[in-house]
Protein backbone atom coordinates (compact mmCIF):
# COMPACT_ATOMS: atom_id res chain seq x y z
CA MET A 1 -48.06 -10.85 24.80
CA ALA A 2 -50.89 -12.40 26.13
CA GLN A 3 -49.99 -15.83 27.81
CA PRO A 4 -51.67 -18.22 25.26
CA PRO A 5 -50.33 -17.12 22.15
CA LEU A 6 -47.40 -17.83 24.32
CA SER A 7 -47.77 -20.91 25.33
CA ARG A 8 -48.79 -21.73 21.57
CA GLN A 9 -45.31 -19.95 20.45
CA ILE A 10 -43.84 -22.06 22.90
CA GLN A 11 -45.14 -25.69 22.21
CA GLN A 12 -43.86 -24.65 18.54
CA LEU A 13 -40.40 -24.28 19.46
CA GLU A 14 -40.15 -27.12 21.26
CA ALA A 15 -42.13 -29.20 17.89
CA GLU A 16 -39.78 -27.98 16.02
CA LEU A 17 -36.53 -28.46 18.06
CA GLY A 18 -37.85 -31.84 18.66
CA ALA A 19 -37.03 -31.37 22.54
CA PRO A 20 -38.96 -29.56 25.55
CA LEU A 21 -37.78 -26.39 27.15
CA PHE A 22 -40.29 -25.80 30.34
CA LEU A 23 -40.54 -28.18 33.51
CA ARG A 24 -43.84 -27.21 33.69
CA ASP A 25 -45.84 -28.04 37.36
CA ARG A 26 -48.84 -26.44 39.37
CA ARG A 27 -46.24 -23.99 41.00
CA ARG A 28 -43.16 -22.89 38.81
CA VAL A 29 -41.38 -23.35 35.26
CA GLU A 30 -38.21 -23.76 35.36
CA LEU A 31 -35.32 -24.40 31.87
CA THR A 32 -34.64 -28.20 31.55
CA ASP A 33 -31.19 -29.05 30.11
CA ALA A 34 -32.33 -28.82 26.28
CA GLY A 35 -34.09 -25.41 27.29
CA ARG A 36 -30.63 -23.99 29.00
CA VAL A 37 -28.64 -24.40 26.06
CA LEU A 38 -31.20 -22.38 24.29
CA ALA A 39 -30.85 -20.26 25.99
CA GLU A 40 -27.22 -19.28 26.09
CA GLU A 41 -27.11 -20.36 22.57
CA ALA A 42 -29.78 -17.09 22.02
CA ARG A 43 -27.67 -14.27 23.98
CA VAL A 44 -24.68 -15.17 22.21
CA LEU A 45 -26.63 -15.17 18.81
CA LEU A 46 -27.99 -11.67 20.36
CA ASN A 47 -24.44 -10.28 21.24
CA GLN A 48 -23.31 -11.08 17.42
CA ALA A 49 -26.45 -9.00 15.99
CA ALA A 50 -25.24 -6.56 17.91
CA ARG A 51 -21.88 -6.40 17.12
CA ALA A 52 -22.71 -7.14 13.19
CA ALA A 53 -24.66 -3.71 13.23
CA GLU A 54 -21.56 -2.12 15.01
CA VAL A 55 -19.54 -3.42 12.79
CA VAL A 56 -21.79 -2.78 9.62
CA ARG A 57 -22.04 1.42 10.87
CA LEU A 58 -18.00 1.48 11.28
CA ALA A 59 -17.67 0.05 8.08
CA SER A 60 -19.93 3.07 6.38
CA LYS A 61 -17.67 6.20 8.32
CA GLY A 62 -14.62 4.41 6.90
CA LYS A 63 -13.35 3.35 10.52
CA TYR A 64 -14.01 -0.81 9.92
CA GLY A 65 -12.44 -3.14 7.47
CA LEU A 66 -9.56 -3.35 5.03
CA VAL A 67 -7.30 -1.68 2.89
CA ARG A 68 -4.58 -3.68 0.68
CA VAL A 69 -1.64 -1.77 -0.67
CA GLY A 70 1.00 -1.70 -2.57
CA ILE A 71 4.62 -0.70 -1.78
CA GLY A 72 7.14 -0.35 -4.72
CA SER A 73 10.44 -1.00 -4.00
CA GLY A 74 12.06 1.31 -1.69
CA LEU A 75 8.98 3.18 -0.92
CA GLY A 76 8.48 1.62 2.19
CA SER A 77 10.20 4.12 4.85
CA ARG A 78 7.60 6.66 2.82
CA VAL A 79 4.65 4.42 3.51
CA HIS A 80 5.06 3.39 7.04
CA ARG A 81 4.69 7.17 8.40
CA VAL A 82 1.12 7.09 6.67
CA LEU A 83 0.55 3.47 8.26
CA ALA A 84 1.34 4.87 11.37
CA PHE A 85 -0.82 7.81 11.14
CA HIS A 86 -4.02 5.68 10.47
CA SER A 87 -3.86 3.80 12.88
CA GLN A 88 -3.92 6.04 14.92
CA ARG A 89 -6.93 7.21 13.66
CA PHE A 90 -8.69 3.77 12.70
CA PRO A 91 -6.79 1.23 15.11
CA GLN A 92 -9.78 -1.24 13.96
CA VAL A 93 -8.94 -1.25 9.99
CA GLU A 94 -6.53 -3.57 8.76
CA VAL A 95 -3.80 -2.62 6.26
CA GLU A 96 -2.47 -5.48 4.43
CA CYS A 97 0.93 -4.53 2.83
CA GLN A 98 2.75 -6.01 -0.11
CA ASP A 99 5.95 -5.59 -2.09
CA ILE A 100 4.93 -5.22 -5.97
CA VAL A 101 6.68 -3.33 -7.84
CA SER A 102 5.65 0.55 -9.39
CA THR A 103 4.69 -1.08 -13.09
CA ARG A 104 2.65 -4.56 -11.96
CA GLN A 105 0.82 -2.17 -9.45
CA ASN A 106 -1.65 -0.96 -12.12
CA GLU A 107 -2.16 -4.38 -12.97
CA ALA A 108 -3.07 -5.65 -9.49
CA LEU A 109 -5.53 -2.55 -9.22
CA ARG A 110 -7.03 -3.04 -12.29
CA GLU A 111 -7.72 -6.80 -11.10
CA ARG A 112 -8.69 -5.59 -7.20
CA GLN A 113 -5.13 -7.73 -6.15
CA ILE A 114 -5.17 -4.47 -4.29
CA ASP A 115 -6.32 -1.20 -3.28
CA VAL A 116 -4.15 1.78 -3.07
CA GLY A 117 -0.28 1.08 -4.52
CA PHE A 118 2.59 3.69 -3.97
CA LEU A 119 4.62 3.95 -7.21
CA ARG A 120 6.39 5.28 -10.12
CA PRO A 121 4.96 6.13 -13.21
CA PRO A 122 3.38 5.37 -15.14
CA VAL A 123 0.01 5.35 -14.67
CA ASP A 124 -2.73 3.49 -16.40
CA LEU A 125 -5.16 6.53 -16.54
CA SER A 126 -7.83 4.89 -18.15
CA THR A 127 -8.95 2.86 -15.12
CA LEU A 128 -7.58 3.98 -12.10
CA GLN A 129 -7.37 7.83 -10.11
CA SER A 130 -3.61 9.47 -8.68
CA GLU A 131 -1.74 12.15 -6.77
CA LEU A 132 1.97 12.82 -7.47
CA LEU A 133 3.39 12.96 -3.48
CA PHE A 134 6.68 14.04 -3.95
CA GLU A 135 9.63 13.58 -6.31
CA GLU A 136 12.60 11.09 -5.93
CA GLN A 137 16.39 12.89 -6.99
CA PHE A 138 18.69 10.23 -8.69
CA GLN A 139 21.84 9.61 -7.28
CA VAL A 140 24.77 7.42 -9.28
CA PHE A 141 25.79 4.78 -7.80
CA LEU A 142 29.52 3.42 -8.20
CA SER A 143 31.98 1.70 -7.00
CA LYS A 144 34.03 3.24 -4.60
CA CYS A 145 37.34 2.25 -6.11
CA SER A 146 36.23 4.72 -8.95
CA PRO A 147 38.05 8.18 -9.11
CA LEU A 148 34.61 9.57 -10.01
CA ALA A 149 33.60 8.58 -5.73
CA LYS A 150 36.01 11.44 -4.99
CA LYS A 151 33.75 14.29 -6.28
CA LYS A 152 30.48 15.73 -3.85
CA LYS A 153 28.32 15.17 -7.01
CA LEU A 154 27.69 13.91 -10.28
CA LYS A 155 27.44 15.63 -13.71
CA LEU A 156 25.54 13.39 -16.89
CA ARG A 157 29.10 14.23 -18.81
CA ASP A 158 31.41 12.91 -15.95
CA LEU A 159 29.69 9.68 -16.81
CA SER A 160 30.35 9.31 -20.37
CA ASN A 161 32.82 6.96 -20.41
CA GLU A 162 31.33 5.05 -17.81
CA THR A 163 29.26 1.46 -18.63
CA LEU A 164 25.70 2.73 -18.00
CA LEU A 165 23.52 -0.75 -15.99
CA LEU A 166 20.68 -1.19 -16.87
CA PHE A 167 18.05 -3.80 -15.07
CA ASP A 168 14.61 -5.23 -16.69
CA ARG A 169 12.35 -2.53 -18.05
CA ASN A 170 9.16 -4.22 -16.72
CA LEU A 171 10.13 -3.50 -13.32
CA SER A 172 9.83 -0.16 -13.56
CA ILE A 173 9.57 1.00 -16.63
CA GLY A 174 9.49 4.94 -15.09
CA VAL A 175 12.79 5.15 -13.85
CA TYR A 176 14.30 3.28 -16.74
CA ASP A 177 12.49 5.20 -19.26
CA LYS A 178 13.34 8.56 -17.23
CA THR A 179 17.78 7.19 -16.80
CA LEU A 180 17.62 7.11 -21.07
CA GLU A 181 16.38 9.97 -21.29
CA LEU A 182 18.20 12.19 -18.94
CA TYR A 183 21.25 10.69 -21.15
CA ARG A 184 19.34 11.62 -24.81
CA GLU A 185 18.80 14.58 -23.39
CA ALA A 186 22.76 16.07 -22.54
CA GLY A 187 23.52 14.31 -25.84
CA ILE A 188 25.24 11.23 -24.78
CA SER A 189 25.14 7.46 -26.29
CA PRO A 190 26.64 5.27 -23.35
CA ARG A 191 27.63 2.11 -23.25
CA ILE A 192 25.05 -0.10 -21.92
CA LEU A 193 25.46 -3.47 -19.90
CA PHE A 194 21.91 -4.68 -19.69
CA SER A 195 21.91 -6.98 -16.27
CA PRO A 196 19.58 -10.34 -15.76
CA THR A 197 19.30 -8.74 -11.76
CA ALA A 198 17.97 -5.84 -10.07
CA PRO A 199 19.72 -3.11 -8.92
CA TYR A 200 18.70 -3.65 -5.18
CA GLU A 201 19.51 -7.45 -5.59
CA GLU A 202 23.41 -8.82 -3.80
CA ALA A 203 23.88 -10.02 -8.28
CA GLY A 204 23.33 -5.77 -8.52
CA ALA A 205 25.85 -4.77 -5.58
CA LEU A 206 28.13 -6.61 -7.03
CA LEU A 207 28.76 -5.57 -10.18
CA VAL A 208 28.85 -2.29 -9.06
CA ALA A 209 31.88 -2.80 -6.14
CA GLY A 210 33.34 -5.26 -8.79
CA GLY A 211 33.23 -1.85 -11.70
CA LYS A 212 32.00 -3.28 -13.53
CA GLY A 213 29.46 -0.33 -14.08
CA ILE A 214 27.20 2.73 -12.98
CA TYR A 215 23.42 2.42 -11.43
CA LEU A 216 21.29 5.28 -12.45
CA GLY A 217 18.70 4.83 -9.53
CA VAL A 218 16.23 5.75 -7.18
CA GLY A 219 14.57 4.14 -3.65
CA ALA A 220 15.51 0.65 -3.51
CA ILE A 221 18.64 1.15 -4.86
CA ARG A 222 19.65 3.83 -2.21
CA GLN A 223 18.66 1.52 0.21
CA ALA A 224 21.12 -1.15 -0.60
CA ALA A 225 24.26 0.63 -1.03
CA SER A 226 23.59 2.67 1.94
CA GLY A 227 24.75 -0.66 4.33
CA ARG A 228 27.29 -1.30 1.30
CA SER A 229 30.87 0.18 2.14
CA GLU A 230 32.31 -0.42 -2.18
CA ILE A 231 29.64 1.52 -3.03
CA ALA A 232 29.23 5.24 -3.31
CA ALA A 233 26.07 6.64 -4.16
CA LEU A 234 26.53 10.66 -5.41
CA PRO A 235 23.74 13.14 -5.92
CA LEU A 236 23.40 13.14 -10.23
CA ASP A 237 23.02 17.43 -10.39
CA GLU A 238 20.67 17.55 -13.63
CA PRO A 239 17.73 20.08 -12.87
CA ARG A 240 15.50 16.90 -14.56
CA ALA A 241 17.07 14.06 -12.63
CA LYS A 242 14.21 13.20 -10.47
CA VAL A 243 11.35 10.80 -10.96
CA GLU A 244 7.97 11.57 -9.71
CA VAL A 245 6.04 9.08 -6.39
CA HIS A 246 2.09 8.30 -6.79
CA VAL A 247 -0.73 7.21 -5.11
CA ALA A 248 -3.04 5.63 -7.41
CA TRP A 249 -6.74 3.76 -6.85
CA ARG A 250 -9.48 3.18 -8.89
CA LYS A 251 -11.68 5.50 -10.33
CA LEU A 252 -14.71 5.64 -8.67
CA GLU A 253 -13.68 3.85 -5.35
CA THR A 254 -17.11 3.74 -2.69
CA SER A 255 -15.21 2.26 -0.03
CA GLY A 256 -14.53 3.66 3.00
CA ALA A 257 -11.88 2.37 4.58
CA VAL A 258 -10.09 2.74 1.33
CA LEU A 259 -11.09 6.17 0.91
CA GLU A 260 -9.86 6.90 5.01
CA PHE A 261 -7.07 5.24 3.75
CA LEU A 262 -5.92 7.75 1.47
CA ASN A 263 -7.56 11.00 3.64
CA SER A 264 -4.52 9.84 5.45
CA VAL A 265 -2.24 9.67 2.63
CA GLY A 266 -3.00 13.02 1.48
CA ARG A 267 -2.85 14.34 5.57
CA VAL A 268 0.93 12.83 6.08
CA PHE A 269 2.05 14.16 2.52
CA GLY A 270 0.35 17.29 2.91
CA ARG A 271 -0.98 17.58 -0.37
CA PRO A 272 -2.55 21.13 -0.65
CA ARG A 273 -6.30 20.73 -0.39
CA ALA A 274 -7.71 23.10 -3.26
CA ASN A 275 -5.28 21.28 -6.25
CA THR A 276 -6.01 17.74 -4.61
CA ARG A 277 -7.73 14.92 -6.57
CA PHE A 278 -8.25 12.65 -4.21
CA PRO A 279 -12.18 11.55 -3.73
CA ARG A 280 -13.90 12.96 -1.53
CA GLY A 281 -17.51 11.46 1.06
CA HIS A 282 -15.90 11.13 4.42
CA ASP A 283 -13.55 13.40 6.01
CA GLN A 284 -12.45 16.64 4.21
CA PHE A 285 -8.56 15.97 2.48
CA GLY A 286 -6.57 17.91 4.55
CA ALA A 287 -8.77 18.61 7.45
CA ARG A 288 -6.43 19.68 10.46
């Protein structure tokens, strides 16, 4: 830039800021105190602009941003594997986890309170997409004082005289409905005691330990029982005594960070590439 236009721009800037920026004489030009402050602030702004541009580029590739994850009861140990793997791939992506019961996650996804959910069905497929990750085997939780506790595994016919403890259906519709379905298929009408507390909470565990009834369940119930010496957890030996665990996300998801997180989910759980319904657009799902 030629000298006269540069001088005019400096004069205009000084007029706009209301402060001289340079001390001038015939032999030299140097910054005033105000000029030095402006120069330092300008360097900061330039660095921030460069940083912003870099962050935008990273975000477009899923390498920067925030992913909010909902975790159903008792699924934390499985989800932890995904978190560890993804943090190695994308250390600048923040993953924020929340404990949310499976039934509530459908609403949380629709309302954009979370971006990805690990849950047991049902999944609202009108607004969400999901992929089966694995199945959990039902177990029977009963007092160790029960004669049944001496067995290695149990059939539903073994439980025909036992009181079935049922928790609020809204905590996990899939587990609740599957429990009653298993009894119906076995032709058994259980004596039911509705419990105001979740089975993985202390009060629910005390009901089992005291011989008030049994729970059928997975996940969180298994974790709660594992540390209690007065509760036995035995496999329910029935072919259909399983419940699915899915990962779910919003249809037409565009966030690079979310899409790459889903890619990590697929890698950790080893879902077949040909059958997957995971969103594409970044790293191919299942790539090595």
